[in-house]
């Protein structure tokens, strides 16, 4: 609830927010390549149950990391956090759209640090405004460096300027 807490401080309020415990939560990693595996490794350190979907299965890596290979549909329906790590192309354009967002749990969070265009941003804004999902974080956008203005007013949305690899 970082976005809400930040907004409250800027408005002169000092509320007490309860965060979300990661221990025992389910993380769905969509794209189990180099970066997806690194994310899964780190999530395991927080005690998360990690599920992964990819078109090329790496069963050995999944076993070593304690990751369960799953379908995209199951990840959307069952995971508390969904993190995208796939390239953008014709097959993955708007991989996450209205139908996929509606499949997600109303308490789920969507994270895209991969590529702009994977998420239908208009559908995401609607999902956040109508409570289909609890929140989202975007580090990449369909239009950079000028994201869709609707994103700037969406609730429970954390935005960063394509700096996910800058660690």
Protein backbone atom coordinates (compact mmCIF):
# COMPACT_ATOMS: atom_id res chain seq x y z
CA UNK A 1 0.00 0.00 0.00
CA UNK A 2 2.95 2.26 -0.72
CA UNK A 3 0.98 4.41 -3.18
CA UNK A 4 -1.81 5.04 -0.65
CA UNK A 5 0.66 5.81 2.15
CA UNK A 6 2.59 8.25 -0.04
CA UNK A 7 -0.59 10.04 -1.04
CA UNK A 8 -1.74 10.28 2.59
CA UNK A 9 1.52 11.88 3.71
CA UNK A 10 1.36 14.38 0.84
CA UNK A 11 -2.17 15.29 1.97
CA UNK A 12 -1.00 15.91 5.53
CA UNK A 13 -2.44 12.70 7.00
CA UNK A 14 -0.58 10.07 9.04
CA UNK A 15 -2.70 6.90 8.74
CA UNK A 16 -1.71 3.41 9.82
CA UNK A 17 -1.77 1.02 6.90
CA UNK A 18 -1.40 -2.71 7.15
CA UNK A 19 0.74 -4.12 4.39
CA UNK A 20 0.59 -7.49 2.74
CA UNK A 21 2.65 -10.33 4.19
CA UNK A 22 4.49 -12.18 1.42
CA UNK A 23 5.13 -15.35 3.40
CA UNK A 24 2.85 -18.06 2.01
CA UNK A 25 1.48 -15.89 -0.79
CA UNK A 26 1.46 -17.19 -4.34
CA UNK A 27 3.58 -15.55 -7.01
CA UNK A 28 2.92 -16.30 -10.66
CA UNK A 29 5.91 -15.70 -12.90
CA UNK A 30 4.91 -15.41 -16.54
CA UNK A 31 8.06 -15.99 -18.53
CA UNK A 32 10.54 -18.35 -16.87
CA UNK A 33 13.71 -17.22 -18.63
CA UNK A 34 16.78 -15.62 -17.04
CA UNK A 35 14.91 -12.77 -15.34
CA UNK A 36 11.85 -14.86 -14.42
CA UNK A 37 14.12 -17.40 -12.72
CA UNK A 38 15.91 -14.63 -10.82
CA UNK A 39 12.57 -13.27 -9.61
CA UNK A 40 11.48 -16.78 -8.56
CA UNK A 41 14.74 -17.25 -6.61
CA UNK A 42 14.21 -13.99 -4.72
CA UNK A 43 10.54 -14.71 -4.03
CA UNK A 44 11.54 -18.04 -2.51
CA UNK A 45 13.62 -16.07 -0.02
CA UNK A 46 10.44 -14.38 1.18
CA UNK A 47 8.73 -17.74 1.64
CA UNK A 48 6.40 -17.32 -1.32
CA UNK A 49 4.93 -20.25 -3.25
CA UNK A 50 6.12 -19.67 -6.81
CA UNK A 51 4.36 -20.82 -9.97
CA UNK A 52 5.67 -20.25 -13.48
CA UNK A 53 4.35 -20.29 -17.00
CA UNK A 54 6.44 -20.30 -20.15
CA UNK A 55 6.11 -21.71 -23.64
CA UNK A 56 9.49 -23.45 -23.18
CA UNK A 57 9.48 -25.43 -19.94
CA UNK A 58 12.67 -25.65 -17.89
CA UNK A 59 11.77 -28.48 -15.53
CA UNK A 60 15.27 -28.75 -14.07
CA UNK A 61 15.39 -25.07 -13.06
CA UNK A 62 11.85 -25.29 -11.70
CA UNK A 63 12.83 -28.26 -9.54
CA UNK A 64 15.99 -26.55 -8.28
CA UNK A 65 14.10 -23.36 -7.39
CA UNK A 66 11.05 -25.12 -5.95
CA UNK A 67 8.82 -23.61 -8.64
CA UNK A 68 5.67 -25.31 -9.87
CA UNK A 69 5.10 -25.13 -13.61
CA UNK A 70 1.54 -24.09 -14.35
CA UNK A 71 -0.80 -22.81 -17.02
CA UNK A 72 -1.33 -19.12 -17.65
CA UNK A 73 -4.98 -19.49 -16.69
CA UNK A 74 -4.19 -21.16 -13.37
CA UNK A 75 -1.66 -18.46 -12.50
CA UNK A 76 -4.17 -15.71 -13.22
CA UNK A 77 -6.88 -17.39 -11.17
CA UNK A 78 -4.84 -18.60 -8.20
CA UNK A 79 -1.89 -16.26 -7.62
CA UNK A 80 -1.76 -13.26 -5.30
CA UNK A 81 0.94 -11.57 -7.40
CA UNK A 82 1.47 -11.93 -11.15
CA UNK A 83 4.82 -10.76 -12.53
CA UNK A 84 5.49 -10.49 -16.28
CA UNK A 85 8.87 -11.45 -17.80
CA UNK A 86 8.26 -12.13 -21.49
CA UNK A 87 9.36 -10.31 -24.65
CA UNK A 88 6.87 -8.14 -26.49
CA UNK A 89 5.80 -9.31 -29.92
CA UNK A 90 2.67 -10.11 -31.91
CA UNK A 91 1.99 -13.22 -29.78
CA UNK A 92 2.34 -11.37 -26.47
CA UNK A 93 0.82 -7.97 -27.36
CA UNK A 94 -1.85 -7.29 -24.70
CA UNK A 95 -1.16 -10.69 -23.14
CA UNK A 96 -2.94 -9.22 -20.14
CA UNK A 97 -6.20 -7.61 -21.20
CA UNK A 98 -9.72 -7.31 -19.84
CA UNK A 99 -10.43 -11.05 -19.82
CA UNK A 100 -7.18 -11.88 -18.05
CA UNK A 101 -7.61 -9.10 -15.48
CA UNK A 102 -11.14 -10.31 -14.72
CA UNK A 103 -9.74 -13.84 -14.17
CA UNK A 104 -7.41 -12.57 -11.47
CA UNK A 105 -8.34 -12.55 -7.80
CA UNK A 106 -9.79 -9.24 -6.59
CA UNK A 107 -6.97 -9.19 -4.02
CA UNK A 108 -4.21 -9.76 -6.61
CA UNK A 109 -1.45 -7.45 -7.82
CA UNK A 110 -0.08 -7.25 -11.37
CA UNK A 111 3.58 -6.30 -11.92
CA UNK A 112 5.11 -5.51 -15.31
CA UNK A 113 8.83 -4.80 -15.38
CA UNK A 114 9.29 -6.59 -18.70
CA UNK A 115 8.05 -4.75 -21.78
CA UNK A 116 5.40 -2.19 -22.61
CA UNK A 117 2.57 -3.54 -24.72
CA UNK A 118 2.17 -6.74 -22.70
CA UNK A 119 -0.63 -5.11 -20.70
CA UNK A 120 -3.68 -3.44 -22.21
CA UNK A 121 -3.28 -0.25 -20.20
CA UNK A 122 -6.86 0.96 -20.70
CA UNK A 123 -8.17 -2.36 -19.37
CA UNK A 124 -5.78 -2.10 -16.42
CA UNK A 125 -7.05 1.37 -15.53
CA UNK A 126 -10.61 0.05 -15.62
CA UNK A 127 -9.64 -2.98 -13.52
CA UNK A 128 -8.11 -0.75 -10.86
CA UNK A 129 -10.98 1.75 -10.84
CA UNK A 130 -13.62 -0.99 -10.67
CA UNK A 131 -11.73 -3.18 -8.19
CA UNK A 132 -11.17 -6.23 -10.37
CA UNK A 133 -7.67 -6.41 -8.85
CA UNK A 134 -6.18 -4.73 -5.77
CA UNK A 135 -3.22 -3.02 -7.37
CA UNK A 136 -0.49 -2.94 -9.98
CA UNK A 137 3.03 -1.72 -10.63
CA UNK A 138 4.30 -0.74 -14.07
CA UNK A 139 7.89 0.02 -14.96
CA UNK A 140 7.26 -0.15 -18.71
CA UNK A 141 4.59 1.39 -20.88
CA UNK A 142 3.14 1.17 -24.36
CA UNK A 143 4.25 4.75 -24.98
CA UNK A 144 7.51 5.85 -23.44
CA UNK A 145 8.45 8.34 -22.13
CA UNK A 146 4.87 9.68 -22.13
CA UNK A 147 2.54 7.04 -20.64
CA UNK A 148 -1.20 7.18 -21.21
CA UNK A 149 -2.55 10.03 -19.01
CA UNK A 150 -5.25 7.69 -17.68
CA UNK A 151 -2.53 5.71 -15.91
CA UNK A 152 -1.52 8.79 -13.95
CA UNK A 153 -4.90 8.97 -12.21
CA UNK A 154 -5.52 5.25 -11.68
CA UNK A 155 -5.82 4.17 -8.05
CA UNK A 156 -3.41 1.69 -6.47
CA UNK A 157 -0.97 1.92 -9.35
CA UNK A 158 2.77 2.39 -8.78
CA UNK A 159 4.60 3.84 -11.79
CA UNK A 160 8.37 3.94 -12.37
CA UNK A 161 10.27 5.17 -15.46
CA UNK A 162 11.64 1.94 -17.00
CA UNK A 163 14.38 1.53 -14.44
CA UNK A 164 13.78 -2.03 -13.25
CA UNK A 165 17.19 -3.18 -14.47
CA UNK A 166 18.99 -0.26 -12.81
CA UNK A 167 20.13 -1.92 -9.62
